[in-house]
Amino acid sequence: MSDTLIERENGIVTVTFNRPEKKNALGGANWADLERVTTEVMANRADRVLVLKGAGGDFSSGADLSGGLSGGGGPNQMEGESPGQAILHEMRSVGEIVNRLHRLPKPTLAVVDGVCVGVAFGLAMACDLVIASDRARFGAVFAKRGLALDGGLSWSLPRAVGMRKAKQMAFFGEMVSGPEALEAGMINAVVPADELHALGEEWAARLANSATTALGLMKRQMDASNGLPFDKAVEDEARSQHIAFTTSDMHEGIKAFMERREPQFRGR
């Protein structure tokens, strides 16, 4: 039975990990929910932003290892598999779900309070924007368990904080506070814990009320920029702008500018 809470309101899809007694450790049901909801958000034009958060004062303590490494930590473990086979298939499934967050043509927001470690840290780093409370703690704790990086952190963490700092965090399993994460460029904003919920709602609403297609195009442009030469990047900009010009949101944006008012985008 799933304990993930999934709510939809005004174009905002909020996924809340809801196992506070285990600091929202992620089990197989949670990953199955993420697989389903990312598929739905990809296809449903009414879904305009995806928000990840945790209940009870924590984001997530990472994978639920209470049953051991093959104790149901992923969505697709099969009966009769050896532990090694199960880990390989589970981690590939988890990797695909994290990859969906990167590929989702709509903005994603992680709202982080308390602990955010292990594969949950990878989920947060896969989001486009991350806001945190001043009591948040981020950590790639894998080395302390004798494990390698997962959750996409081998890719996302060096790009966020630089290779040297990423290796330091990974090798020593260091915990980083919310203010330290902001200073390192790892997240976007830090506020007192009692203000985090309101800021998350504000940012989610701003994203949901934006020009969804344009934001999706920007996301693809910037995520691909590290691997592109400049001439290819500007060519992709031309093609993306061509797509943006076909949307009704673009026409509304220009009309609102001419009429000196705020645009009313509809995500189409």
Foldseek 3Di string as FASTA:
>chain_A
DAPWDWDDDQLETETEQEDVVQLSAAFQNNLVVLVVVLVVLLPDLSNAEYEQAYPDFFRYPYFPCVVHQQPGRANDQDPPDDSVVSNVVRQVSLQVSLVSLLLRLHAYEYQGGAEQEALSLLSRLSGPAYEYEQRYKYWDQQVVVVHDHGSCCVPRVCVQQNDVVSCVRNNVRDIAGRVRCVVSRSHDYYHHPVCRVVVVVVVSNVRSQAQSNLSSLVSVLVVCVVVDDPVVSVVSVVVSVVVVVVDVQVVQVVVCVVVVHDGGHDND
